[in-house]
Amino acid sequence: MREAARLLIVCAAGFGAAACYRVIPSSHPPYTVTGIVEAVDDEAMALRHKSGTLTPVSVSAAGR
C-alpha cells in the first residue's frame, strides 16, 4: 500500500512539473536579430539571414 501511495505522489509531482513549462512567460523585447539589411522604408525593413531567408521586420515609433 505504501508503494502505491509513493508511486502516486511521484506521478502527481511529475505531471505537475510537466504542466508548469508553459507558466513561464516567453521573452519580451528587446530582441537580437542578425542579418544583412536588404531594404528599408518608413514602416519596415527586410533582413537577409545567412541561410538566404528574407525576413520582414516592422518598425514602429513606439520603441523610440
C-alpha atoms as a PDB file:
ATOM      1  CA  MET A   1       0.000   0.000   0.000  1.00  0.00           C
ATOM      2  CA  ARG A   2       2.856   2.373   0.828  1.00  0.00           C
ATOM      3  CA  GLU A   3       4.494   1.690  -2.524  1.00  0.00           C
ATOM      4  CA  ALA A   4       1.252   2.528  -4.352  1.00  0.00           C
ATOM      5  CA  ALA A   5       0.916   5.804  -2.432  1.00  0.00           C
ATOM      6  CA  ARG A   6       4.562   6.680  -3.098  1.00  0.00           C
ATOM      7  CA  LEU A   7       4.127   5.921  -6.815  1.00  0.00           C
ATOM      8  CA  LEU A   8       1.005   8.071  -6.930  1.00  0.00           C
ATOM      9  CA  ILE A   9       2.839  11.006  -5.295  1.00  0.00           C
ATOM     10  CA  VAL A  10       5.804  10.695  -7.678  1.00  0.00           C
ATOM     11  CA  CYS A  11       3.496  10.571 -10.706  1.00  0.00           C
ATOM     12  CA  ALA A  12       1.489  13.574  -9.493  1.00  0.00           C
ATOM     13  CA  ALA A  13       4.696  15.563  -8.927  1.00  0.00           C
ATOM     14  CA  GLY A  14       5.952  14.637 -12.391  1.00  0.00           C
ATOM     15  CA  PHE A  15       2.727  15.642 -14.092  1.00  0.00           C
ATOM     16  CA  GLY A  16       2.639  18.885 -12.115  1.00  0.00           C
ATOM     17  CA  ALA A  17       6.180  19.762 -13.123  1.00  0.00           C
ATOM     18  CA  ALA A  18       5.483  18.913 -16.771  1.00  0.00           C
ATOM     19  CA  ALA A  19       2.427  21.177 -16.777  1.00  0.00           C
ATOM     20  CA  CYS A  20       4.390  24.200 -15.478  1.00  0.00           C
ATOM     21  CA  TYR A  21       6.608  24.707 -18.507  1.00  0.00           C
ATOM     22  CA  ARG A  22       4.002  26.996 -20.108  1.00  0.00           C
ATOM     23  CA  VAL A  23       3.626  29.090 -16.942  1.00  0.00           C
ATOM     24  CA  ILE A  24       6.983  30.797 -17.562  1.00  0.00           C
ATOM     25  CA  PRO A  25       6.343  33.706 -19.942  1.00  0.00           C
ATOM     26  CA  SER A  26       8.218  33.930 -23.215  1.00  0.00           C
ATOM     27  CA  SER A  27      10.955  36.522 -23.520  1.00  0.00           C
ATOM     28  CA  HIS A  28       9.965  40.103 -24.243  1.00  0.00           C
ATOM     29  CA  PRO A  29      11.745  42.771 -26.255  1.00  0.00           C
ATOM     30  CA  PRO A  30      14.464  43.735 -26.851  1.00  0.00           C
ATOM     31  CA  TYR A  31      15.292  41.033 -29.383  1.00  0.00           C
ATOM     32  CA  THR A  32      18.571  40.483 -31.171  1.00  0.00           C
ATOM     33  CA  VAL A  33      18.313  39.952 -34.915  1.00  0.00           C
ATOM     34  CA  THR A  34      21.327  39.323 -37.138  1.00  0.00           C
ATOM     35  CA  GLY A  35      21.314  39.677 -40.908  1.00  0.00           C
ATOM     36  CA  ILE A  36      22.074  41.897 -43.882  1.00  0.00           C
ATOM     37  CA  VAL A  37      19.684  44.799 -44.422  1.00  0.00           C
ATOM     38  CA  GLU A  38      18.224  44.387 -47.912  1.00  0.00           C
ATOM     39  CA  ALA A  39      15.549  47.119 -47.945  1.00  0.00           C
ATOM     40  CA  VAL A  40      14.319  49.947 -45.699  1.00  0.00           C
ATOM     41  CA  ASP A  41      11.241  52.158 -45.835  1.00  0.00           C
ATOM     42  CA  ASP A  42       9.249  54.239 -43.310  1.00  0.00           C
ATOM     43  CA  GLU A  43       7.361  51.297 -41.788  1.00  0.00           C
ATOM     44  CA  ALA A  44       9.534  48.202 -42.254  1.00  0.00           C
ATOM     45  CA  MET A  45      12.858  46.774 -43.311  1.00  0.00           C
ATOM     46  CA  ALA A  46      13.912  43.451 -44.783  1.00  0.00           C
ATOM     47  CA  LEU A  47      16.775  41.385 -43.390  1.00  0.00           C
ATOM     48  CA  ARG A  48      18.503  38.548 -45.207  1.00  0.00           C
ATOM     49  CA  HIS A  49      19.619  35.730 -42.920  1.00  0.00           C
ATOM     50  CA  LYS A  50      22.784  33.744 -43.713  1.00  0.00           C
ATOM     51  CA  SER A  51      20.512  30.889 -44.838  1.00  0.00           C
ATOM     52  CA  GLY A  52      19.125  33.162 -47.555  1.00  0.00           C
ATOM     53  CA  THR A  53      15.718  33.694 -45.962  1.00  0.00           C
ATOM     54  CA  LEU A  54      14.364  37.233 -46.358  1.00  0.00           C
ATOM     55  CA  THR A  55      12.595  38.366 -43.162  1.00  0.00           C
ATOM     56  CA  PRO A  56      10.439  41.491 -42.960  1.00  0.00           C
ATOM     57  CA  VAL A  57      10.817  43.473 -39.721  1.00  0.00           C
ATOM     58  CA  SER A  58       8.161  46.006 -38.743  1.00  0.00           C
ATOM     59  CA  VAL A  59       9.472  49.303 -37.351  1.00  0.00           C
ATOM     60  CA  SER A  60       7.302  51.473 -35.124  1.00  0.00           C
ATOM     61  CA  ALA A  61       7.770  54.798 -33.357  1.00  0.00           C
ATOM     62  CA  ALA A  62       6.609  53.254 -30.054  1.00  0.00           C
ATOM     63  CA  GLY A  63      10.104  51.943 -29.309  1.00  0.00           C
ATOM     64  CA  ARG A  64      11.766  55.363 -29.651  1.00  0.00           C
END
